Amino acid sequence: MWIVSKNGFFSVVEKPGDRERGVLTVRGRILEDMEWFKDNISWESEIVSTPKADYGYRMQVARQQFEQALLAMARDVDYANFKGNFSGEPEYEDKENRAQIYFRVWDSLAFLEYLDD
């Protein structure tokens, strides 16, 4: 699952062994995104740096805690247009660049509409 939120971009997967441990693996490309997740959602989790992997950071999160995180993110929606107002916490120094990247993702995904033809 990909999560693109005003608080960051996260990829959530079930790695081998995660189910038995009752966890999911949350991955991210930006340390600040992962720090936000840790500080606000998963205090006990440790961020692990994985510079040679496709995502530079990851952490293990209890499934139940992740479910609560999704509810918290849903409750935190306070904007009428995501692309126009993704500027949540943390305050990104690269806010304009991130907005452009998020727009490109939105624009690329718009092509899914053509699959319905």
PDB file of N, CA and C in Angstrom:
ATOM      1  N   MET A   1       0.849  -1.167   0.000  1.00  0.00           N
ATOM      2  CA  MET A   1       0.000   0.000   0.000  1.00  0.00           C
ATOM      3  C   MET A   1       0.898   1.235   0.000  1.00  0.00           C
ATOM      4  N   TRP A   2       0.569   2.164  -0.836  1.00  0.00           N
ATOM      5  CA  TRP A   2       1.234   3.461  -0.801  1.00  0.00           C
ATOM      6  C   TRP A   2       0.331   4.443  -0.079  1.00  0.00           C
ATOM      7  N   ILE A   3       0.937   5.260   0.743  1.00  0.00           N
ATOM      8  CA  ILE A   3       0.216   6.332   1.411  1.00  0.00           C
ATOM      9  C   ILE A   3       0.937   7.626   1.073  1.00  0.00           C
ATOM     10  N   VAL A   4       0.223   8.515   0.400  1.00  0.00           N
ATOM     11  CA  VAL A   4       0.751   9.844   0.107  1.00  0.00           C
ATOM     12  C   VAL A   4      -0.117  10.796   0.914  1.00  0.00           C
ATOM     13  N   SER A   5       0.477  11.353   1.949  1.00  0.00           N
ATOM     14  CA  SER A   5      -0.294  12.205   2.845  1.00  0.00           C
ATOM     15  C   SER A   5       0.416  13.536   3.041  1.00  0.00           C
ATOM     16  N   LYS A   6      -0.255  14.445   3.721  1.00  0.00           N
ATOM     17  CA  LYS A   6       0.378  15.724   3.994  1.00  0.00           C
ATOM     18  C   LYS A   6       1.556  15.563   4.941  1.00  0.00           C
ATOM     19  N   ASN A   7       1.679  14.389   5.556  1.00  0.00           N
ATOM     20  CA  ASN A   7       2.778  14.129   6.470  1.00  0.00           C
ATOM     21  C   ASN A   7       3.884  13.278   5.886  1.00  0.00           C
ATOM     22  N   GLY A   8       3.720  12.877   4.627  1.00  0.00           N
ATOM     23  CA  GLY A   8       4.793  12.120   3.998  1.00  0.00           C
ATOM     24  C   GLY A   8       4.301  11.047   3.059  1.00  0.00           C
ATOM     25  N   PHE A   9       5.278  10.367   2.466  1.00  0.00           N
ATOM     26  CA  PHE A   9       5.031   9.254   1.546  1.00  0.00           C
ATOM     27  C   PHE A   9       5.545   7.985   2.211  1.00  0.00           C
ATOM     28  N   PHE A  10       4.666   6.972   2.281  1.00  0.00           N
ATOM     29  CA  PHE A  10       5.012   5.716   2.936  1.00  0.00           C
ATOM     30  C   PHE A  10       4.589   4.543   2.061  1.00  0.00           C
ATOM     31  N   SER A  11       5.371   3.493   2.091  1.00  0.00           N
ATOM     32  CA  SER A  11       5.022   2.235   1.453  1.00  0.00           C
ATOM     33  C   SER A  11       4.888   1.208   2.565  1.00  0.00           C
ATOM     34  N   VAL A  12       3.758   0.524   2.607  1.00  0.00           N
ATOM     35  CA  VAL A  12       3.491  -0.427   3.680  1.00  0.00           C
ATOM     36  C   VAL A  12       3.335  -1.812   3.067  1.00  0.00           C
ATOM     37  N   VAL A  13       4.103  -2.762   3.587  1.00  0.00           N
ATOM     38  CA  VAL A  13       4.104  -4.117   3.039  1.00  0.00           C
ATOM     39  C   VAL A  13       4.164  -5.133   4.174  1.00  0.00           C
ATOM     40  N   GLU A  14       3.843  -6.373   3.824  1.00  0.00           N
ATOM     41  CA  GLU A  14       4.012  -7.482   4.747  1.00  0.00           C
ATOM     42  C   GLU A  14       5.197  -8.304   4.242  1.00  0.00           C
ATOM     43  N   LYS A  15       6.312  -8.172   4.901  1.00  0.00           N
ATOM     44  CA  LYS A  15       7.522  -8.919   4.543  1.00  0.00           C
ATOM     45  C   LYS A  15       7.418 -10.338   5.095  1.00  0.00           C
ATOM     46  N   PRO A  16       8.229 -11.260   4.565  1.00  0.00           N
ATOM     47  CA  PRO A  16       8.226 -12.612   5.137  1.00  0.00           C
ATOM     48  C   PRO A  16       8.489 -12.563   6.643  1.00  0.00           C
ATOM     49  N   GLY A  17       7.645 -13.248   7.386  1.00  0.00           N
ATOM     50  CA  GLY A  17       7.781 -13.287   8.835  1.00  0.00           C
ATOM     51  C   GLY A  17       6.996 -12.211   9.561  1.00  0.00           C
ATOM     52  N   ASP A  18       6.561 -11.174   8.849  1.00  0.00           N
ATOM     53  CA  ASP A  18       5.801 -10.095   9.500  1.00  0.00           C
ATOM     54  C   ASP A  18       4.491 -10.608  10.092  1.00  0.00           C
ATOM     55  N   ARG A  19       3.780 -11.444   9.358  1.00  0.00           N
ATOM     56  CA  ARG A  19       2.468 -11.920   9.819  1.00  0.00           C
ATOM     57  C   ARG A  19       2.609 -12.670  11.143  1.00  0.00           C
ATOM     58  N   GLU A  20       3.620 -13.543  11.222  1.00  0.00           N
ATOM     59  CA  GLU A  20       3.827 -14.314  12.449  1.00  0.00           C
ATOM     60  C   GLU A  20       4.142 -13.397  13.632  1.00  0.00           C
ATOM     61  N   ARG A  21       4.816 -12.285  13.379  1.00  0.00           N
ATOM     62  CA  ARG A  21       5.168 -11.341  14.450  1.00  0.00           C
ATOM     63  C   ARG A  21       4.067 -10.308  14.676  1.00  0.00           C
ATOM     64  N   GLY A  22       3.025 -10.316  13.830  1.00  0.00           N
ATOM     65  CA  GLY A  22       1.914  -9.366  13.988  1.00  0.00           C
ATOM     66  C   GLY A  22       2.297  -7.942  13.631  1.00  0.00           C
ATOM     67  N   VAL A  23       3.205  -7.792  12.665  1.00  0.00           N
ATOM     68  CA  VAL A  23       3.672  -6.462  12.275  1.00  0.00           C
ATOM     69  C   VAL A  23       3.529  -6.255  10.774  1.00  0.00           C
ATOM     70  N   LEU A  24       3.665  -5.007  10.375  1.00  0.00           N
ATOM     71  CA  LEU A  24       3.817  -4.618   8.974  1.00  0.00           C
ATOM     72  C   LEU A  24       5.123  -3.842   8.880  1.00  0.00           C
ATOM     73  N   THR A  25       5.676  -3.779   7.683  1.00  0.00           N
ATOM     74  CA  THR A  25       6.887  -2.998   7.457  1.00  0.00           C
ATOM     75  C   THR A  25       6.488  -1.706   6.762  1.00  0.00           C
ATOM     76  N   VAL A  26       6.803  -0.593   7.405  1.00  0.00           N
ATOM     77  CA  VAL A  26       6.549   0.731   6.842  1.00  0.00           C
ATOM     78  C   VAL A  26       7.874   1.228   6.300  1.00  0.00           C
ATOM     79  N   ARG A  27       7.872   1.631   5.017  1.00  0.00           N
ATOM     80  CA  ARG A  27       9.101   2.078   4.368  1.00  0.00           C
ATOM     81  C   ARG A  27       8.927   3.510   3.873  1.00  0.00           C
ATOM     82  N   GLY A  28      10.026   4.218   3.811  1.00  0.00           N
ATOM     83  CA  GLY A  28       9.982   5.587   3.321  1.00  0.00           C
ATOM     84  C   GLY A  28      11.290   5.981   2.670  1.00  0.00           C
ATOM     85  N   ARG A  29      11.236   7.032   1.891  1.00  0.00           N
ATOM     86  CA  ARG A  29      12.425   7.527   1.194  1.00  0.00           C
ATOM     87  C   ARG A  29      13.034   8.737   1.878  1.00  0.00           C
ATOM     88  N   ILE A  30      12.248   9.402   2.732  1.00  0.00           N
ATOM     89  CA  ILE A  30      12.708  10.638   3.376  1.00  0.00           C
ATOM     90  C   ILE A  30      12.714  10.416   4.883  1.00  0.00           C
ATOM     91  N   LEU A  31      13.843  10.660   5.511  1.00  0.00           N
ATOM     92  CA  LEU A  31      13.964  10.446   6.951  1.00  0.00           C
ATOM     93  C   LEU A  31      12.928  11.249   7.726  1.00  0.00           C
ATOM     94  N   GLU A  32      12.688  12.498   7.331  1.00  0.00           N
ATOM     95  CA  GLU A  32      11.713  13.328   8.050  1.00  0.00           C
ATOM     96  C   GLU A  32      10.322  12.719   8.018  1.00  0.00           C
ATOM     97  N   ASP A  33       9.945  12.082   6.907  1.00  0.00           N
ATOM     98  CA  ASP A  33       8.646  11.409   6.832  1.00  0.00           C
ATOM     99  C   ASP A  33       8.578  10.285   7.872  1.00  0.00           C
ATOM    100  N   MET A  34       9.630   9.483   7.919  1.00  0.00           N
ATOM    101  CA  MET A  34       9.665   8.361   8.849  1.00  0.00           C
ATOM    102  C   MET A  34       9.698   8.846  10.303  1.00  0.00           C
ATOM    103  N   GLU A  35      10.394   9.934  10.545  1.00  0.00           N
ATOM    104  CA  GLU A  35      10.427  10.491  11.897  1.00  0.00           C
ATOM    105  C   GLU A  35       9.046  10.985  12.314  1.00  0.00           C
ATOM    106  N   TRP A  36       8.312  11.596  11.364  1.00  0.00           N
ATOM    107  CA  TRP A  36       6.942  12.011  11.676  1.00  0.00           C
ATOM    108  C   TRP A  36       6.119  10.786  12.066  1.00  0.00           C
ATOM    109  N   PHE A  37       6.229   9.715  11.269  1.00  0.00           N
ATOM    110  CA  PHE A  37       5.457   8.492  11.537  1.00  0.00           C
ATOM    111  C   PHE A  37       5.807   7.945  12.914  1.00  0.00           C
ATOM    112  N   LYS A  38       7.078   7.875  13.215  1.00  0.00           N
ATOM    113  CA  LYS A  38       7.525   7.362  14.517  1.00  0.00           C
ATOM    114  C   LYS A  38       7.010   8.242  15.654  1.00  0.00           C
ATOM    115  N   ASP A  39       7.187   9.551  15.531  1.00  0.00           N
ATOM    116  CA  ASP A  39       6.804  10.474  16.598  1.00  0.00           C
ATOM    117  C   ASP A  39       5.297  10.540  16.831  1.00  0.00           C
ATOM    118  N   ASN A  40       4.516  10.356  15.773  1.00  0.00           N
ATOM    119  CA  ASN A  40       3.075  10.545  15.866  1.00  0.00           C
ATOM    120  C   ASN A  40       2.261   9.258  15.861  1.00  0.00           C
ATOM    121  N   ILE A  41       2.853   8.190  15.380  1.00  0.00           N
ATOM    122  CA  ILE A  41       2.073   6.965  15.207  1.00  0.00           C
ATOM    123  C   ILE A  41       2.688   5.780  15.945  1.00  0.00           C
ATOM    124  N   SER A  42       3.975   5.585  15.784  1.00  0.00           N
ATOM    125  CA  SER A  42       4.604   4.343  16.243  1.00  0.00           C
ATOM    126  C   SER A  42       5.825   4.636  17.098  1.00  0.00           C
ATOM    127  N   TRP A  43       5.582   5.133  18.287  1.00  0.00           N
ATOM    128  CA  TRP A  43       6.652   5.612  19.162  1.00  0.00           C
ATOM    129  C   TRP A  43       7.685   4.549  19.465  1.00  0.00           C
ATOM    130  N   GLU A  44       7.254   3.293  19.613  1.00  0.00           N
ATOM    131  CA  GLU A  44       8.172   2.233  20.019  1.00  0.00           C
ATOM    132  C   GLU A  44       9.017   1.689  18.879  1.00  0.00           C
ATOM    133  N   SER A  45       8.644   1.966  17.667  1.00  0.00           N
ATOM    134  CA  SER A  45       9.360   1.425  16.514  1.00  0.00           C
ATOM    135  C   SER A  45      10.676   2.149  16.303  1.00  0.00           C
ATOM    136  N   GLU A  46      11.622   1.402  15.772  1.00  0.00           N
ATOM    137  CA  GLU A  46      12.926   1.970  15.477  1.00  0.00           C
ATOM    138  C   GLU A  46      13.068   2.142  13.965  1.00  0.00           C
ATOM    139  N   ILE A  47      13.514   3.308  13.548  1.00  0.00           N
ATOM    140  CA  ILE A  47      13.776   3.552  12.130  1.00  0.00           C
ATOM    141  C   ILE A  47      15.131   2.945  11.798  1.00  0.00           C
ATOM    142  N   VAL A  48      15.146   2.127  10.767  1.00  0.00           N
ATOM    143  CA  VAL A  48      16.376   1.486  10.320  1.00  0.00           C
ATOM    144  C   VAL A  48      16.760   2.092   8.976  1.00  0.00           C
ATOM    145  N   SER A  49      18.011   2.513   8.854  1.00  0.00           N
ATOM    146  CA  SER A  49      18.515   3.048   7.590  1.00  0.00           C
ATOM    147  C   SER A  49      18.885   1.888   6.682  1.00  0.00           C
ATOM    148  N   THR A  50      18.379   1.928   5.439  1.00  0.00           N
ATOM    149  CA  THR A  50      18.668   0.883   4.448  1.00  0.00           C
ATOM    150  C   THR A  50      19.074   1.558   3.137  1.00  0.00           C
ATOM    151  N   PRO A  51      20.258   2.188   3.113  1.00  0.00           N
ATOM    152  CA  PRO A  51      20.648   3.015   1.972  1.00  0.00           C
ATOM    153  C   PRO A  51      20.792   2.269   0.646  1.00  0.00           C
ATOM    154  N   LYS A  52      20.982   0.962   0.671  1.00  0.00           N
ATOM    155  CA  LYS A  52      21.142   0.220  -0.580  1.00  0.00           C
ATOM    156  C   LYS A  52      19.834  -0.383  -1.068  1.00  0.00           C
ATOM    157  N   ALA A  53      18.765  -0.194  -0.313  1.00  0.00           N
ATOM    158  CA  ALA A  53      17.457  -0.733  -0.688  1.00  0.00           C
ATOM    159  C   ALA A  53      16.683   0.312  -1.494  1.00  0.00           C
ATOM    160  N   ASP A  54      15.553  -0.097  -2.059  1.00  0.00           N
ATOM    161  CA  ASP A  54      14.752   0.839  -2.848  1.00  0.00           C
ATOM    162  C   ASP A  54      14.117   1.921  -1.979  1.00  0.00           C
ATOM    163  N   TYR A  55      13.925   1.656  -0.698  1.00  0.00           N
ATOM    164  CA  TYR A  55      13.469   2.669   0.257  1.00  0.00           C
ATOM    165  C   TYR A  55      14.585   2.814   1.281  1.00  0.00           C
ATOM    166  N   GLY A  56      15.002   4.038   1.525  1.00  0.00           N
ATOM    167  CA  GLY A  56      16.152   4.284   2.379  1.00  0.00           C
ATOM    168  C   GLY A  56      15.923   4.065   3.859  1.00  0.00           C
ATOM    169  N   TYR A  57      14.642   3.957   4.266  1.00  0.00           N
ATOM    170  CA  TYR A  57      14.325   3.799   5.687  1.00  0.00           C
ATOM    171  C   TYR A  57      13.149   2.868   5.843  1.00  0.00           C
ATOM    172  N   ARG A  58      13.132   2.160   6.962  1.00  0.00           N
ATOM    173  CA  ARG A  58      12.010   1.268   7.251  1.00  0.00           C
ATOM    174  C   ARG A  58      11.870   1.049   8.739  1.00  0.00           C
ATOM    175  N   MET A  59      10.688   0.586   9.140  1.00  0.00           N
ATOM    176  CA  MET A  59      10.429   0.239  10.536  1.00  0.00           C
ATOM    177  C   MET A  59       9.339  -0.819  10.581  1.00  0.00           C
ATOM    178  N   GLN A  60       9.329  -1.574  11.648  1.00  0.00           N
ATOM    179  CA  GLN A  60       8.292  -2.563  11.894  1.00  0.00           C
ATOM    180  C   GLN A  60       7.229  -1.916  12.782  1.00  0.00           C
ATOM    181  N   VAL A  61       5.968  -2.086  12.422  1.00  0.00           N
ATOM    182  CA  VAL A  61       4.863  -1.485  13.169  1.00  0.00           C
ATOM    183  C   VAL A  61       3.818  -2.567  13.434  1.00  0.00           C
ATOM    184  N   ALA A  62       3.352  -2.641  14.662  1.00  0.00           N
ATOM    185  CA  ALA A  62       2.291  -3.591  14.989  1.00  0.00           C
ATOM    186  C   ALA A  62       1.085  -3.328  14.094  1.00  0.00           C
ATOM    187  N   ARG A  63       0.472  -4.386  13.590  1.00  0.00           N
ATOM    188  CA  ARG A  63      -0.681  -4.231  12.689  1.00  0.00           C
ATOM    189  C   ARG A  63      -1.778  -3.374  13.317  1.00  0.00           C
ATOM    190  N   GLN A  64      -2.099  -3.639  14.563  1.00  0.00           N
ATOM    191  CA  GLN A  64      -3.161  -2.881  15.216  1.00  0.00           C
ATOM    192  C   GLN A  64      -2.777  -1.408  15.322  1.00  0.00           C
ATOM    193  N   GLN A  65      -1.519  -1.139  15.585  1.00  0.00           N
ATOM    194  CA  GLN A  65      -1.060   0.253  15.670  1.00  0.00           C
ATOM    195  C   GLN A  65      -1.155   0.916  14.293  1.00  0.00           C
ATOM    196  N   PHE A  66      -0.848   0.168  13.233  1.00  0.00           N
ATOM    197  CA  PHE A  66      -0.953   0.720  11.885  1.00  0.00           C
ATOM    198  C   PHE A  66      -2.411   1.032  11.541  1.00  0.00           C
ATOM    199  N   GLU A  67      -3.315   0.149  11.920  1.00  0.00           N
ATOM    200  CA  GLU A  67      -4.736   0.404  11.686  1.00  0.00           C
ATOM    201  C   GLU A  67      -5.166   1.695  12.374  1.00  0.00           C
ATOM    202  N   GLN A  68      -4.701   1.897  13.594  1.00  0.00           N
ATOM    203  CA  GLN A  68      -5.007   3.129  14.314  1.00  0.00           C
ATOM    204  C   GLN A  68      -4.379   4.332  13.620  1.00  0.00           C
ATOM    205  N   ALA A  69      -3.208   4.138  13.029  1.00  0.00           N
ATOM    206  CA  ALA A  69      -2.544   5.221  12.302  1.00  0.00           C
ATOM    207  C   ALA A  69      -3.380   5.664  11.111  1.00  0.00           C
ATOM    208  N   LEU A  70      -3.951   4.705  10.390  1.00  0.00           N
ATOM    209  CA  LEU A  70      -4.804   5.058   9.246  1.00  0.00           C
ATOM    210  C   LEU A  70      -6.024   5.849   9.693  1.00  0.00           C
ATOM    211  N   LEU A  71      -6.616   5.440  10.806  1.00  0.00           N
ATOM    212  CA  LEU A  71      -7.749   6.196  11.337  1.00  0.00           C
ATOM    213  C   LEU A  71      -7.328   7.614  11.708  1.00  0.00           C
ATOM    214  N   ALA A  72      -6.180   7.744  12.340  1.00  0.00           N
ATOM    215  CA  ALA A  72      -5.692   9.075  12.735  1.00  0.00           C
ATOM    216  C   ALA A  72      -5.426   9.937  11.504  1.00  0.00           C
ATOM    217  N   MET A  73      -4.853   9.356  10.461  1.00  0.00           N
ATOM    218  CA  MET A  73      -4.593  10.113   9.232  1.00  0.00           C
ATOM    219  C   MET A  73      -5.905  10.546   8.589  1.00  0.00           C
ATOM    220  N   ALA A  74      -6.901   9.668   8.616  1.00  0.00           N
ATOM    221  CA  ALA A  74      -8.206  10.019   8.042  1.00  0.00           C
ATOM    222  C   ALA A  74      -8.842  11.167   8.820  1.00  0.00           C
ATOM    223  N   ARG A  75      -8.743  11.116  10.131  1.00  0.00           N
ATOM    224  CA  ARG A  75      -9.308  12.194  10.952  1.00  0.00           C
ATOM    225  C   ARG A  75      -8.576  13.514  10.756  1.00  0.00           C
ATOM    226  N   ASP A  76      -7.324  13.444  10.295  1.00  0.00           N
ATOM    227  CA  ASP A  76      -6.483  14.623  10.134  1.00  0.00           C
ATOM    228  C   ASP A  76      -6.729  15.345   8.798  1.00  0.00           C
ATOM    229  N   VAL A  77      -7.559  14.780   7.942  1.00  0.00           N
ATOM    230  CA  VAL A  77      -7.844  15.433   6.658  1.00  0.00           C
ATOM    231  C   VAL A  77      -8.604  16.723   6.941  1.00  0.00           C
ATOM    232  N   ASP A  78      -7.993  17.845   6.539  1.00  0.00           N
ATOM    233  CA  ASP A  78      -8.578  19.165   6.824  1.00  0.00           C
ATOM    234  C   ASP A  78      -8.435  20.110   5.637  1.00  0.00           C
ATOM    235  N   TYR A  79      -8.476  19.549   4.434  1.00  0.00           N
ATOM    236  CA  TYR A  79      -8.268  20.348   3.237  1.00  0.00           C
ATOM    237  C   TYR A  79      -9.277  19.930   2.175  1.00  0.00           C
ATOM    238  N   ALA A  80      -9.607  20.870   1.303  1.00  0.00           N
ATOM    239  CA  ALA A  80     -10.555  20.604   0.223  1.00  0.00           C
ATOM    240  C   ALA A  80      -9.856  20.096  -1.035  1.00  0.00           C
ATOM    241  N   ASN A  81      -8.554  20.329  -1.127  1.00  0.00           N
ATOM    242  CA  ASN A  81      -7.790  19.921  -2.297  1.00  0.00           C
ATOM    243  C   ASN A  81      -6.399  19.517  -1.845  1.00  0.00           C
ATOM    244  N   PHE A  82      -6.089  18.220  -1.934  1.00  0.00           N
ATOM    245  CA  PHE A  82      -4.802  17.721  -1.458  1.00  0.00           C
ATOM    246  C   PHE A  82      -3.636  18.368  -2.178  1.00  0.00           C
ATOM    247  N   LYS A  83      -3.699  18.422  -3.499  1.00  0.00           N
ATOM    248  CA  LYS A  83      -2.573  18.974  -4.263  1.00  0.00           C
ATOM    249  C   LYS A  83      -2.311  20.421  -3.898  1.00  0.00           C
ATOM    250  N   GLY A  84      -3.359  21.136  -3.556  1.00  0.00           N
ATOM    251  CA  GLY A  84      -3.204  22.544  -3.229  1.00  0.00           C
ATOM    252  C   GLY A  84      -2.850  22.807  -1.782  1.00  0.00           C
ATOM    253  N   ASN A  85      -2.981  21.777  -0.947  1.00  0.00           N
ATOM    254  CA  ASN A  85      -2.750  22.008   0.475  1.00  0.00           C
ATOM    255  C   ASN A  85      -2.237  20.747   1.161  1.00  0.00           C
ATOM    256  N   PHE A  86      -1.070  20.294   0.784  1.00  0.00           N
ATOM    257  CA  PHE A  86      -0.487  19.131   1.440  1.00  0.00           C
ATOM    258  C   PHE A  86       0.488  19.552   2.523  1.00  0.00           C
ATOM    259  N   SER A  87       0.565  20.821   2.813  1.00  0.00           N
ATOM    260  CA  SER A  87       1.626  21.388   3.645  1.00  0.00           C
ATOM    261  C   SER A  87       1.417  21.158   5.131  1.00  0.00           C
ATOM    262  N   GLY A  88       1.410  19.901   5.533  1.00  0.00           N
ATOM    263  CA  GLY A  88       1.244  19.597   6.950  1.00  0.00           C
ATOM    264  C   GLY A  88       2.554  19.537   7.695  1.00  0.00           C
ATOM    265  N   GLU A  89       2.548  18.830   8.775  1.00  0.00           N
ATOM    266  CA  GLU A  89       3.747  18.634   9.577  1.00  0.00           C
ATOM    267  C   GLU A  89       4.475  17.418   9.043  1.00  0.00           C
ATOM    268  N   PRO A  90       5.776  17.357   9.059  1.00  0.00           N
ATOM    269  CA  PRO A  90       6.654  18.446   9.459  1.00  0.00           C
ATOM    270  C   PRO A  90       6.749  19.512   8.379  1.00  0.00           C
ATOM    271  N   GLU A  91       7.258  20.661   8.720  1.00  0.00           N
ATOM    272  CA  GLU A  91       7.444  21.734   7.739  1.00  0.00           C
ATOM    273  C   GLU A  91       8.624  21.372   6.851  1.00  0.00           C
ATOM    274  N   TYR A  92       8.340  21.106   5.606  1.00  0.00           N
ATOM    275  CA  TYR A  92       9.386  20.708   4.674  1.00  0.00           C
ATOM    276  C   TYR A  92      10.090  21.930   4.122  1.00  0.00           C
ATOM    277  N   GLU A  93      11.416  21.860   4.095  1.00  0.00           N
ATOM    278  CA  GLU A  93      12.175  22.926   3.440  1.00  0.00           C
ATOM    279  C   GLU A  93      11.955  22.866   1.939  1.00  0.00           C
ATOM    280  N   ASP A  94      11.659  21.680   1.437  1.00  0.00           N
ATOM    281  CA  ASP A  94      11.488  21.468   0.002  1.00  0.00           C
ATOM    282  C   ASP A  94      10.017  21.428  -0.391  1.00  0.00           C
ATOM    283  N   LYS A  95       9.179  22.185   0.293  1.00  0.00           N
ATOM    284  CA  LYS A  95       7.723  22.124   0.112  1.00  0.00           C
ATOM    285  C   LYS A  95       7.313  22.300  -1.352  1.00  0.00           C
ATOM    286  N   GLU A  96       7.900  23.267  -2.038  1.00  0.00           N
ATOM    287  CA  GLU A  96       7.525  23.482  -3.437  1.00  0.00           C
ATOM    288  C   GLU A  96       7.932  22.299  -4.300  1.00  0.00           C
ATOM    289  N   ASN A  97       9.122  21.753  -4.086  1.00  0.00           N
ATOM    290  CA  ASN A  97       9.546  20.581  -4.856  1.00  0.00           C
ATOM    291  C   ASN A  97       8.654  19.385  -4.574  1.00  0.00           C
ATOM    292  N   ARG A  98       8.305  19.184  -3.322  1.00  0.00           N
ATOM    293  CA  ARG A  98       7.439  18.067  -2.963  1.00  0.00           C
ATOM    294  C   ARG A  98       6.063  18.231  -3.613  1.00  0.00           C
ATOM    295  N   ALA A  99       5.531  19.431  -3.627  1.00  0.00           N
ATOM    296  CA  ALA A  99       4.239  19.686  -4.272  1.00  0.00           C
ATOM    297  C   ALA A  99       4.308  19.322  -5.752  1.00  0.00           C
ATOM    298  N   GLN A 100       5.400  19.655  -6.407  1.00  0.00           N
ATOM    299  CA  GLN A 100       5.554  19.320  -7.826  1.00  0.00           C
ATOM    300  C   GLN A 100       5.643  17.809  -8.030  1.00  0.00           C
ATOM    301  N   ILE A 101       6.343  17.125  -7.152  1.00  0.00           N
ATOM    302  CA  ILE A 101       6.451  15.666  -7.249  1.00  0.00           C
ATOM    303  C   ILE A 101       5.090  15.028  -7.023  1.00  0.00           C
ATOM    304  N   TYR A 102       4.363  15.477  -6.004  1.00  0.00           N
ATOM    305  CA  TYR A 102       3.030  14.941  -5.739  1.00  0.00           C
ATOM    306  C   TYR A 102       2.110  15.186  -6.935  1.00  0.00           C
ATOM    307  N   PHE A 103       2.228  16.356  -7.573  1.00  0.00           N
ATOM    308  CA  PHE A 103       1.403  16.634  -8.745  1.00  0.00           C
ATOM    309  C   PHE A 103       1.740  15.652  -9.867  1.00  0.00           C
ATOM    310  N   ARG A 104       3.022  15.361 -10.066  1.00  0.00           N
ATOM    311  CA  ARG A 104       3.409  14.417 -11.126  1.00  0.00           C
ATOM    312  C   ARG A 104       2.844  13.027 -10.853  1.00  0.00           C
ATOM    313  N   VAL A 105       2.821  12.622  -9.590  1.00  0.00           N
ATOM    314  CA  VAL A 105       2.217  11.335  -9.236  1.00  0.00           C
ATOM    315  C   VAL A 105       0.727  11.366  -9.582  1.00  0.00           C
ATOM    316  N   TRP A 106       0.035  12.434  -9.170  1.00  0.00           N
ATOM    317  CA  TRP A 106      -1.392  12.575  -9.467  1.00  0.00           C
ATOM    318  C   TRP A 106      -1.628  12.532 -10.979  1.00  0.00           C
ATOM    319  N   ASP A 107      -0.799  13.254 -11.727  1.00  0.00           N
ATOM    320  CA  ASP A 107      -0.939  13.328 -13.176  1.00  0.00           C
ATOM    321  C   ASP A 107      -0.715  11.957 -13.814  1.00  0.00           C
ATOM    322  N   SER A 108       0.274  11.227 -13.349  1.00  0.00           N
ATOM    323  CA  SER A 108       0.530   9.882 -13.885  1.00  0.00           C
ATOM    324  C   SER A 108      -0.634   8.942 -13.592  1.00  0.00           C
ATOM    325  N   LEU A 109      -1.169   9.015 -12.380  1.00  0.00           N
ATOM    326  CA  LEU A 109      -2.275   8.140 -12.010  1.00  0.00           C
ATOM    327  C   LEU A 109      -3.568   8.493 -12.743  1.00  0.00           C
ATOM    328  N   ALA A 110      -3.660   9.707 -13.241  1.00  0.00           N
ATOM    329  CA  ALA A 110      -4.849  10.104 -14.002  1.00  0.00           C
ATOM    330  C   ALA A 110      -5.025   9.226 -15.238  1.00  0.00           C
ATOM    331  N   PHE A 111      -3.965   8.634 -15.741  1.00  0.00           N
ATOM    332  CA  PHE A 111      -4.055   7.767 -16.913  1.00  0.00           C
ATOM    333  C   PHE A 111      -4.815   6.477 -16.624  1.00  0.00           C
ATOM    334  N   LEU A 112      -5.015   6.159 -15.353  1.00  0.00           N
ATOM    335  CA  LEU A 112      -5.814   4.980 -15.008  1.00  0.00           C
ATOM    336  C   LEU A 112      -7.239   5.092 -15.558  1.00  0.00           C
ATOM    337  N   GLU A 113      -7.735   6.311 -15.710  1.00  0.00           N
ATOM    338  CA  GLU A 113      -9.075   6.512 -16.237  1.00  0.00           C
ATOM    339  C   GLU A 113      -9.219   5.929 -17.641  1.00  0.00           C
ATOM    340  N   TYR A 114      -8.126   5.895 -18.381  1.00  0.00           N
ATOM    341  CA  TYR A 114      -8.187   5.388 -19.749  1.00  0.00           C
ATOM    342  C   TYR A 114      -8.269   3.861 -19.790  1.00  0.00           C
ATOM    343  N   LEU A 115      -7.952   3.199 -18.669  1.00  0.00           N
ATOM    344  CA  LEU A 115      -8.079   1.751 -18.624  1.00  0.00           C
ATOM    345  C   LEU A 115      -9.534   1.323 -18.605  1.00  0.00           C
ATOM    346  N   ASP A 116     -10.409   2.248 -18.244  1.00  0.00           N
ATOM    347  CA  ASP A 116     -11.826   1.953 -18.130  1.00  0.00           C
ATOM    348  C   ASP A 116     -12.542   2.010 -19.480  1.00  0.00           C
ATOM    349  N   ASP A 117     -11.850   2.450 -20.509  1.00  0.00           N
ATOM    350  CA  ASP A 117     -12.474   2.576 -21.844  1.00  0.00           C
ATOM    351  C   ASP A 117     -12.676   1.243 -22.518  1.00  0.00           C
TER     352      ASP A 117
END
